Amino acid sequence: MTDCAIRPRLPVSDQHVSQTGQVAPLDEPKPPAVRALPAQAAAVPAQATALPAQATAPPLNEQAQQVRSADFSPQNALTVSVVVCVYTDDRWSEIRLALASLAEQTLPPTQVIVVADHNPSLAERIAALYPTIDVITNEYSRGLSGARNTGIEHADGDVVAFLDDDARAEPRWLETVLASYADDSVLGVGGMVVPDWAPGQRPRWLPPEFLWVVGCSYRGLPDGKADIRNPIGANMSFRRSAFKLAGLFCPSIGRTAESARPLGCEETEFSIRLLEASGNGRIIHEPQAVVHHLVPRSRTTWRYFLARCYAEGCSKAYVAQLSGAKAALSSERHYLLHALAPALRRDLEELFRASRRDALGRIAASVIGVSWTVAGYLRVQLPSYLRHPRRSP
C-alpha cells in the first residue's frame, strides 16, 4: 500500500496527522461535526431521466424544510454517508440543487456531510440554512483531496458516497448504488455522469469520447454493469472500510491551491492502491446510478479543452510515479485501442457526408487532445526518468 503524506498548509490536529506527516488510522478519536461556525469564521441509459438545463432550486425556506433529520433515516442493512465538498459562494445555486437532490432520494442517506474548503463564510451560510446537515471545514491543506479526507473521517455510514457540488443526483441514485454492495467483494461503485449543458453550449467539435474533459461519462466506458479500475469523481462511492484498508486520498495529486492547472486523478491513484491492498476486491461501474453534472460555458472552449488534456497527462504521470506506469495507464491503453481508434474511423467516414465540418472538428480534437495529454505526461515523467534511469515503472 502506498502511504500518502499529508502536508497541511494550516495547523492540523494531531488526531488526524502524525508528527511524521502520515495519515492517522481512521479509528482514532475524531472531533465532533461542526454544525455552525463563528461569525468571522457515453450514451445515457434509457431509464435516466433528463433534468432541465435551466433547473432552479426551491425557495430557501422550502428547501431547508426538505432536508431534515427524518430524510436521512436508514432504510436497509447498509447505511450511507454522502459527502459534498464545496469551496466557493459562486456555486451557491448549484450547491442548493445538489442538496435538494439528496432530499429526494428513494433511499435517503443516513448522513449528509458538507465540507467547506477553507471558506468559513460559506460554511456558516450552509449551516444556518441546513441545521440538521453536518457542515464541517477542511482540516487539511486546501484542495479537493483534503476536503474529501475530512468528510471521510467524519462519516458514520457503511458506505461513503461523493457528489460534486455542481451535480444533481437522480432520485434512485443511492438506491442503485447501495444495491451493488450486496456483493461483499465490491469495494467501490461508480455511476453515470451526464453532462448538463447550457442551451446551445455543447461544442459540436467535442467527441463523445472526450467528455471526460468536462468531468462526465464518455464513450468507451462499459455500456452495462462491469468491473473498472476507478470511478469518475463526481459520482463515486466506497465502503468506509476501504479507507481503513488503503488509507485516504493522496493530497499531492489532484486540484490544490498550489496548482492553477485543472489536475485530477486522485480517485485513480486511490482505486489502484485499494485494489492492490484488497487482493480480490472489485470496483464496478453501474450506469443506472445517474447524476447530472453542470458544464459551465467556460469549459466548452478550445482553451479549456487543451488545458484539461495537458493537466490529465500531468496527473497520470504523478499516478505513475506512485503506482507504476502499468497500473496508471492500463485503462488508457484500452481507451486508445477500443474507443478512440473507432471514433477516428467514424469521423473520417463522415468527412464525405453532410456533417463534414463537425467531423473535421472532432478529428482535430481527438488528435490534438491525445497529443496534449501525452505532452503533459512526458513533461512530468521525463525529468524523473532522467534522474532515475534504472527505475522500473
Protein backbone atom coordinates (compact mmCIF):
# COMPACT_ATOMS: atom_id res chain seq x y z
CA MET A 1 0.00 0.00 0.00
CA THR A 2 1.25 3.42 -0.89
CA ASP A 3 1.22 5.86 2.04
CA CYS A 4 0.39 9.44 1.13
CA ALA A 5 1.88 12.13 3.32
CA ILE A 6 -0.44 14.95 4.37
CA ARG A 7 1.29 18.30 4.20
CA PRO A 8 -1.16 20.80 5.68
CA ARG A 9 -0.78 24.47 4.98
CA LEU A 10 -2.68 25.30 8.16
CA PRO A 11 -2.27 23.73 11.64
CA VAL A 12 -3.96 20.33 11.87
CA SER A 13 -4.97 18.40 14.97
CA ASP A 14 -2.62 15.56 15.99
CA GLN A 15 -5.68 13.32 15.88
CA HIS A 16 -5.50 13.34 12.10
CA VAL A 17 -1.83 13.68 11.18
CA SER A 18 1.15 12.21 12.96
CA GLN A 19 4.34 14.12 13.58
CA THR A 20 5.85 12.43 10.56
CA GLY A 21 3.06 13.76 8.36
CA GLN A 22 1.43 10.36 7.73
CA VAL A 23 -2.32 9.87 7.70
CA ALA A 24 -3.51 8.59 11.06
CA PRO A 25 -5.74 5.48 11.24
CA LEU A 26 -9.42 6.24 10.84
CA ASP A 27 -10.38 4.52 14.08
CA GLU A 28 -8.54 7.11 16.18
CA PRO A 29 -10.72 9.61 18.07
CA LYS A 30 -12.18 12.31 15.85
CA PRO A 31 -13.68 15.69 16.78
CA PRO A 32 -17.45 16.15 16.62
CA ALA A 33 -19.01 17.56 13.48
CA VAL A 34 -19.16 21.33 13.33
CA ARG A 35 -22.73 22.44 12.72
CA ALA A 36 -22.11 26.18 12.94
CA LEU A 37 -19.10 28.48 12.76
CA PRO A 38 -18.20 31.74 14.48
CA ALA A 39 -19.32 34.87 12.72
CA GLN A 40 -15.82 35.56 11.44
CA ALA A 41 -15.26 32.43 10.76
CA ALA A 42 -21.15 7.65 -23.27
CA ALA A 43 -24.75 7.24 -24.04
CA VAL A 44 -27.15 7.72 -21.22
CA PRO A 45 -29.29 4.70 -20.22
CA ALA A 46 -32.90 4.94 -21.36
CA GLN A 47 -34.00 4.86 -17.72
CA ALA A 48 -32.08 8.01 -16.93
CA THR A 49 -34.46 10.91 -16.62
CA ALA A 50 -33.04 14.11 -18.05
CA LEU A 51 -33.19 17.15 -15.79
CA PRO A 52 -33.97 20.60 -17.22
CA ALA A 53 -30.85 22.51 -18.19
CA GLN A 54 -32.22 25.63 -16.53
CA ALA A 55 -33.47 23.92 -13.36
CA THR A 56 -33.88 26.21 -10.38
CA ALA A 57 -33.70 25.45 -6.69
CA PRO A 58 -36.79 25.60 -4.47
CA PRO A 59 -37.25 28.66 -2.25
CA LEU A 60 -34.79 28.72 0.62
CA ASN A 61 -37.33 28.07 3.36
CA GLU A 62 -38.95 25.21 1.39
CA GLN A 63 -35.59 23.59 0.63
CA ALA A 64 -34.47 23.86 4.23
CA GLN A 65 -37.64 22.02 5.26
CA GLN A 66 -36.93 19.28 2.72
CA VAL A 67 -33.53 18.50 4.23
CA ARG A 68 -34.47 17.47 7.75
CA SER A 69 -33.36 14.71 10.06
CA ALA A 70 -36.22 12.40 9.08
CA ASP A 71 -34.98 12.42 5.49
CA PHE A 72 -31.77 10.67 6.49
CA SER A 73 -33.03 7.62 8.38
CA PRO A 74 -31.59 4.19 7.43
CA GLN A 75 -33.70 2.12 5.07
CA ASN A 76 -31.70 -1.08 4.71
CA ALA A 77 -28.86 -3.07 6.24
CA LEU A 78 -26.19 -0.78 4.81
CA THR A 79 -26.02 2.86 5.81
CA VAL A 80 -24.56 5.59 3.60
CA SER A 81 -22.94 8.95 4.27
CA VAL A 82 -22.89 11.40 1.36
CA VAL A 83 -20.01 13.89 1.21
CA VAL A 84 -20.40 17.13 -0.76
CA CYS A 85 -17.25 19.27 -0.96
CA VAL A 86 -17.76 22.99 -1.55
CA TYR A 87 -15.32 25.87 -1.90
CA THR A 88 -16.90 28.94 -3.48
CA ASP A 89 -20.04 31.05 -3.00
CA ASP A 90 -20.22 31.35 -6.78
CA ARG A 91 -21.81 27.89 -6.82
CA TRP A 92 -24.49 28.69 -4.26
CA SER A 93 -27.36 27.80 -6.60
CA GLU A 94 -25.66 24.55 -7.64
CA ILE A 95 -25.00 23.61 -4.00
CA ARG A 96 -28.68 24.07 -3.19
CA LEU A 97 -29.65 21.89 -6.13
CA ALA A 98 -27.20 19.17 -5.08
CA LEU A 99 -28.59 19.10 -1.53
CA ALA A 100 -32.18 19.19 -2.79
CA SER A 101 -31.47 16.13 -4.94
CA LEU A 102 -30.29 14.26 -1.84
CA ALA A 103 -33.55 15.08 -0.03
CA GLU A 104 -35.46 13.50 -2.93
CA GLN A 105 -33.69 10.12 -2.85
CA THR A 106 -35.88 7.00 -2.81
CA LEU A 107 -33.34 5.59 -0.35
CA PRO A 108 -32.39 8.56 1.84
CA PRO A 109 -28.82 8.90 3.10
CA THR A 110 -28.27 8.33 6.80
CA GLN A 111 -25.86 11.26 6.92
CA VAL A 112 -25.09 14.24 4.70
CA ILE A 113 -21.72 15.96 5.20
CA VAL A 114 -20.86 19.26 3.55
CA VAL A 115 -17.15 20.07 3.71
CA ALA A 116 -16.21 23.71 3.12
CA ASP A 117 -12.70 24.00 1.70
CA HIS A 118 -11.23 26.88 3.75
CA ASN A 119 -14.26 29.11 3.21
CA PRO A 120 -15.69 29.87 6.69
CA SER A 121 -18.37 32.25 5.44
CA LEU A 122 -19.75 29.65 3.03
CA ALA A 123 -19.75 27.01 5.78
CA GLU A 124 -21.60 29.38 8.08
CA ARG A 125 -24.15 30.17 5.37
CA ILE A 126 -24.89 26.49 4.70
CA ALA A 127 -25.01 25.59 8.40
CA ALA A 128 -27.57 28.33 9.02
CA LEU A 129 -29.84 27.10 6.23
CA TYR A 130 -29.41 23.36 6.88
CA PRO A 131 -29.13 22.90 10.67
CA THR A 132 -29.50 19.09 10.51
CA ILE A 133 -26.68 18.56 7.99
CA ASP A 134 -23.12 18.08 9.23
CA VAL A 135 -21.33 21.19 7.96
CA ILE A 136 -17.61 20.98 8.65
CA THR A 137 -14.43 22.65 7.44
CA ASN A 138 -11.49 21.09 5.62
CA GLU A 139 -8.96 20.15 8.31
CA TYR A 140 -6.15 19.54 5.84
CA SER A 141 -4.40 21.63 3.22
CA ARG A 142 -6.61 23.41 0.71
CA GLY A 143 -7.73 21.16 -2.13
CA LEU A 144 -10.27 18.51 -3.09
CA SER A 145 -8.35 15.59 -1.60
CA GLY A 146 -8.07 17.28 1.78
CA ALA A 147 -11.78 18.15 1.76
CA ARG A 148 -12.76 14.60 0.83
CA ASN A 149 -10.48 13.16 3.52
CA THR A 150 -12.09 15.40 6.12
CA GLY A 151 -15.51 14.15 5.06
CA ILE A 152 -14.39 10.52 5.23
CA GLU A 153 -13.10 10.94 8.78
CA HIS A 154 -16.46 12.33 9.88
CA ALA A 155 -18.55 9.73 8.06
CA ASP A 156 -20.56 7.19 10.05
CA GLY A 157 -22.11 5.20 7.19
CA ASP A 158 -21.02 1.80 5.97
CA VAL A 159 -20.64 3.37 2.54
CA VAL A 160 -19.23 6.83 1.79
CA ALA A 161 -20.62 8.37 -1.40
CA PHE A 162 -19.33 11.53 -3.06
CA LEU A 163 -21.42 14.02 -5.02
CA ASP A 164 -19.90 17.10 -6.64
CA ASP A 165 -21.26 20.45 -5.53
CA ASP A 166 -22.33 21.22 -9.12
CA ALA A 167 -24.03 17.86 -9.70
CA ARG A 168 -27.59 16.65 -9.10
CA ALA A 169 -28.41 13.06 -8.32
CA GLU A 170 -31.40 11.31 -9.83
CA PRO A 171 -33.90 10.04 -7.22
CA ARG A 172 -32.80 6.38 -7.40
CA TRP A 173 -29.07 7.19 -7.27
CA LEU A 174 -28.33 5.92 -3.76
CA GLU A 175 -30.77 3.04 -4.03
CA THR A 176 -28.98 1.81 -7.14
CA VAL A 177 -25.51 2.37 -5.69
CA LEU A 178 -26.19 0.50 -2.46
CA ALA A 179 -27.72 -2.46 -4.29
CA SER A 180 -24.31 -3.19 -5.78
CA TYR A 181 -22.78 -3.57 -2.33
CA ALA A 182 -24.84 -6.73 -1.73
CA ASP A 183 -21.77 -8.43 -3.23
CA ASP A 184 -19.16 -8.44 -0.45
CA SER A 185 -16.33 -8.33 -2.98
CA VAL A 186 -17.44 -4.89 -4.20
CA LEU A 187 -15.39 -2.17 -2.51
CA GLY A 188 -16.38 0.75 -4.72
CA VAL A 189 -19.13 1.77 -7.12
CA GLY A 190 -19.10 4.47 -9.77
CA GLY A 191 -22.05 5.64 -11.82
CA MET A 192 -23.04 7.54 -14.93
CA VAL A 193 -22.23 11.27 -15.05
CA VAL A 194 -24.45 13.01 -17.61
CA PRO A 195 -23.35 16.45 -18.83
CA ASP A 196 -25.84 19.24 -18.11
CA TRP A 197 -25.11 21.69 -20.90
CA ALA A 198 -26.45 25.21 -21.05
CA PRO A 199 -28.82 25.57 -24.03
CA GLY A 200 -26.84 25.57 -27.26
CA GLN A 201 -23.50 25.31 -25.48
CA ARG A 202 -22.42 21.77 -26.31
CA PRO A 203 -19.42 22.08 -28.66
CA ARG A 204 -20.08 20.24 -31.92
CA TRP A 205 -16.34 19.63 -32.27
CA LEU A 206 -16.10 17.76 -28.93
CA PRO A 207 -16.10 13.97 -29.50
CA PRO A 208 -18.21 11.95 -27.05
CA GLU A 209 -15.02 10.02 -26.30
CA PHE A 210 -13.61 13.19 -24.72
CA LEU A 211 -16.44 14.03 -22.33
CA TRP A 212 -14.02 13.16 -19.52
CA VAL A 213 -12.55 16.60 -20.21
CA VAL A 214 -15.68 18.15 -18.65
CA GLY A 215 -15.84 15.59 -15.84
CA CYS A 216 -18.54 13.39 -17.36
CA SER A 217 -19.01 9.84 -18.60
CA TYR A 218 -17.57 9.31 -22.05
CA ARG A 219 -17.99 6.83 -24.88
CA GLY A 220 -15.64 3.97 -24.12
CA LEU A 221 -16.93 3.21 -20.64
CA PRO A 222 -18.80 -0.10 -20.26
CA ASP A 223 -22.39 0.01 -21.51
CA GLY A 224 -23.57 -2.17 -18.64
CA LYS A 225 -22.52 -3.09 -15.14
CA ALA A 226 -18.85 -4.09 -15.22
CA ASP A 227 -15.57 -4.05 -13.31
CA ILE A 228 -13.46 -0.91 -13.75
CA ARG A 229 -10.16 0.42 -12.47
CA ASN A 230 -11.59 3.61 -11.00
CA PRO A 231 -14.84 5.62 -10.97
CA ILE A 232 -15.42 9.24 -12.01
CA GLY A 233 -15.07 11.55 -9.01
CA ALA A 234 -18.39 13.34 -9.49
CA ASN A 235 -20.30 10.09 -8.87
CA MET A 236 -18.40 7.57 -6.79
CA SER A 237 -18.66 5.67 -3.54
CA PHE A 238 -16.57 3.29 -1.45
CA ARG A 239 -17.09 1.16 1.60
CA ARG A 240 -15.86 3.08 4.62
CA SER A 241 -13.74 0.06 5.47
CA ALA A 242 -11.89 0.60 2.17
CA PHE A 243 -10.29 3.73 3.60
CA LYS A 244 -9.18 1.83 6.70
CA LEU A 245 -7.61 -0.73 4.39
CA ALA A 246 -5.90 1.55 1.86
CA GLY A 247 -5.70 4.97 3.54
CA LEU A 248 -7.12 8.27 2.33
CA PHE A 249 -6.90 10.23 -0.93
CA CYS A 250 -3.37 11.43 -1.65
CA PRO A 251 -3.23 15.24 -1.30
CA SER A 252 -0.26 15.58 -3.64
CA ILE A 253 -2.48 14.54 -6.57
CA GLY A 254 -5.44 16.47 -7.94
CA ARG A 255 -6.54 20.07 -7.68
CA THR A 256 -4.86 22.10 -4.97
CA ALA A 257 -4.28 25.74 -4.11
CA GLU A 258 -0.70 25.44 -5.37
CA SER A 259 -1.63 24.47 -8.95
CA ALA A 260 -3.57 26.58 -11.41
CA ARG A 261 -3.95 23.62 -13.79
CA PRO A 262 -7.21 21.57 -13.75
CA LEU A 263 -5.48 18.48 -12.37
CA GLY A 264 -7.22 15.29 -11.27
CA CYS A 265 -6.74 11.52 -10.87
CA GLU A 266 -6.79 11.40 -7.06
CA GLU A 267 -9.57 8.79 -7.30
CA THR A 268 -7.48 6.85 -9.84
CA GLU A 269 -4.47 6.58 -7.52
CA PHE A 270 -6.66 5.66 -4.55
CA SER A 271 -8.53 3.00 -6.52
CA ILE A 272 -5.29 1.38 -7.71
CA ARG A 273 -3.99 1.38 -4.13
CA LEU A 274 -7.26 -0.08 -2.85
CA LEU A 275 -7.37 -2.90 -5.38
CA GLU A 276 -3.75 -3.81 -4.64
CA ALA A 277 -4.33 -3.77 -0.89
CA SER A 278 -7.51 -5.87 -1.06
CA GLY A 279 -6.18 -8.59 -3.34
CA ASN A 280 -9.56 -9.73 -4.67
CA GLY A 281 -11.69 -6.62 -4.18
CA ARG A 282 -13.64 -5.05 -7.04
CA ILE A 283 -14.72 -1.60 -8.18
CA ILE A 284 -17.67 -1.61 -10.52
CA HIS A 285 -19.37 0.76 -12.95
CA GLU A 286 -23.14 0.93 -12.51
CA PRO A 287 -24.59 3.04 -15.36
CA GLN A 288 -28.06 3.06 -13.80
CA ALA A 289 -26.77 5.20 -10.91
CA VAL A 290 -27.05 8.59 -12.59
CA VAL A 291 -26.06 12.14 -11.67
CA HIS A 292 -26.22 15.24 -13.86
CA HIS A 293 -23.10 17.40 -13.86
CA LEU A 294 -23.24 21.09 -14.78
CA VAL A 295 -20.90 22.08 -17.61
CA PRO A 296 -20.38 25.87 -17.49
CA ARG A 297 -19.69 27.88 -20.60
CA SER A 298 -16.04 28.33 -19.55
CA ARG A 299 -15.46 24.58 -20.05
CA THR A 300 -16.76 24.50 -23.61
CA THR A 301 -13.81 26.31 -25.20
CA TRP A 302 -10.75 25.04 -27.03
CA ARG A 303 -8.61 26.76 -24.42
CA TYR A 304 -10.09 24.75 -21.57
CA PHE A 305 -10.01 21.57 -23.65
CA LEU A 306 -6.27 21.89 -24.24
CA ALA A 307 -5.55 22.85 -20.63
CA ARG A 308 -7.55 19.92 -19.29
CA CYS A 309 -5.91 17.41 -21.66
CA TYR A 310 -2.44 18.63 -20.68
CA ALA A 311 -3.35 18.51 -17.00
CA GLU A 312 -4.69 14.97 -17.38
CA GLY A 313 -1.34 13.90 -18.78
CA CYS A 314 0.46 15.52 -15.85
CA SER A 315 -1.92 13.85 -13.41
CA LYS A 316 -1.44 10.41 -14.95
CA ALA A 317 2.32 10.89 -14.66
CA TYR A 318 2.01 11.65 -10.94
CA VAL A 319 -0.09 8.50 -10.53
CA ALA A 320 2.51 6.50 -12.47
CA GLN A 321 5.24 7.71 -10.12
CA LEU A 322 3.26 6.42 -7.14
CA SER A 323 1.61 3.32 -8.56
CA GLY A 324 3.72 2.37 -11.58
CA ALA A 325 3.05 3.09 -15.24
CA LYS A 326 1.41 -0.28 -15.90
CA ALA A 327 -1.38 0.30 -13.40
CA ALA A 328 -1.66 4.04 -14.10
CA LEU A 329 -2.11 3.56 -17.86
CA SER A 330 -3.97 0.24 -18.10
CA SER A 331 -7.38 1.79 -18.82
CA GLU A 332 -5.85 4.38 -21.13
CA ARG A 333 -4.40 1.72 -23.42
CA HIS A 334 -7.81 0.10 -23.74
CA TYR A 335 -9.38 3.52 -24.33
CA LEU A 336 -7.00 4.34 -27.18
CA LEU A 337 -7.49 1.00 -28.94
CA HIS A 338 -11.18 0.35 -28.36
CA ALA A 339 -12.72 3.83 -28.09
CA LEU A 340 -10.57 6.47 -29.76
CA ALA A 341 -9.41 4.46 -32.78
CA PRO A 342 -13.00 3.56 -33.81
CA ALA A 343 -14.02 7.18 -33.21
CA LEU A 344 -11.39 8.41 -35.66
CA ARG A 345 -12.58 5.90 -38.25
CA ARG A 346 -16.15 7.08 -37.73
CA ASP A 347 -15.27 10.73 -38.18
CA LEU A 348 -13.10 10.03 -41.21
CA GLU A 349 -16.08 8.35 -42.84
CA GLU A 350 -18.26 11.36 -42.02
CA LEU A 351 -15.90 13.64 -43.92
CA PHE A 352 -17.72 12.51 -47.05
CA ARG A 353 -21.16 13.31 -45.66
CA ALA A 354 -23.09 16.45 -44.91
CA SER A 355 -21.58 16.82 -41.42
CA ARG A 356 -18.08 17.36 -42.78
CA ARG A 357 -17.31 20.45 -40.71
CA ASP A 358 -18.27 18.76 -37.44
CA ALA A 359 -16.25 15.68 -38.35
CA LEU A 360 -13.18 17.79 -39.06
CA GLY A 361 -13.54 19.44 -35.67
CA ARG A 362 -13.84 16.11 -33.88
CA ILE A 363 -10.82 14.68 -35.72
CA ALA A 364 -8.79 17.74 -34.76
CA ALA A 365 -9.94 17.48 -31.15
CA SER A 366 -9.03 13.78 -30.95
CA VAL A 367 -5.57 14.20 -32.45
CA ILE A 368 -4.69 17.37 -30.57
CA GLY A 369 -6.26 16.12 -27.34
CA VAL A 370 -4.18 12.95 -27.32
CA SER A 371 -1.05 14.91 -28.26
CA TRP A 372 -1.56 17.43 -25.45
CA THR A 373 -2.21 14.65 -22.96
CA VAL A 374 0.99 12.85 -23.95
CA ALA A 375 2.88 16.15 -23.74
CA GLY A 376 1.69 16.66 -20.16
CA TYR A 377 2.66 13.11 -19.23
CA LEU A 378 6.14 13.48 -20.68
CA ARG A 379 6.61 16.89 -19.08
CA VAL A 380 6.35 15.27 -15.65
CA GLN A 381 7.86 11.88 -16.35
CA LEU A 382 10.98 12.78 -18.35
CA PRO A 383 12.77 14.70 -15.57
CA SER A 384 12.01 11.87 -13.16
CA TYR A 385 13.27 9.27 -15.63
CA LEU A 386 16.47 11.20 -16.26
CA ARG A 387 17.12 11.38 -12.52
CA HIS A 388 16.35 7.67 -12.04
CA PRO A 389 17.05 5.97 -15.40
CA ARG A 390 17.16 2.45 -13.96
CA ARG A 391 13.93 2.66 -12.03
CA SER A 392 11.35 0.27 -13.43
CA PRO A 393 7.80 1.55 -13.97
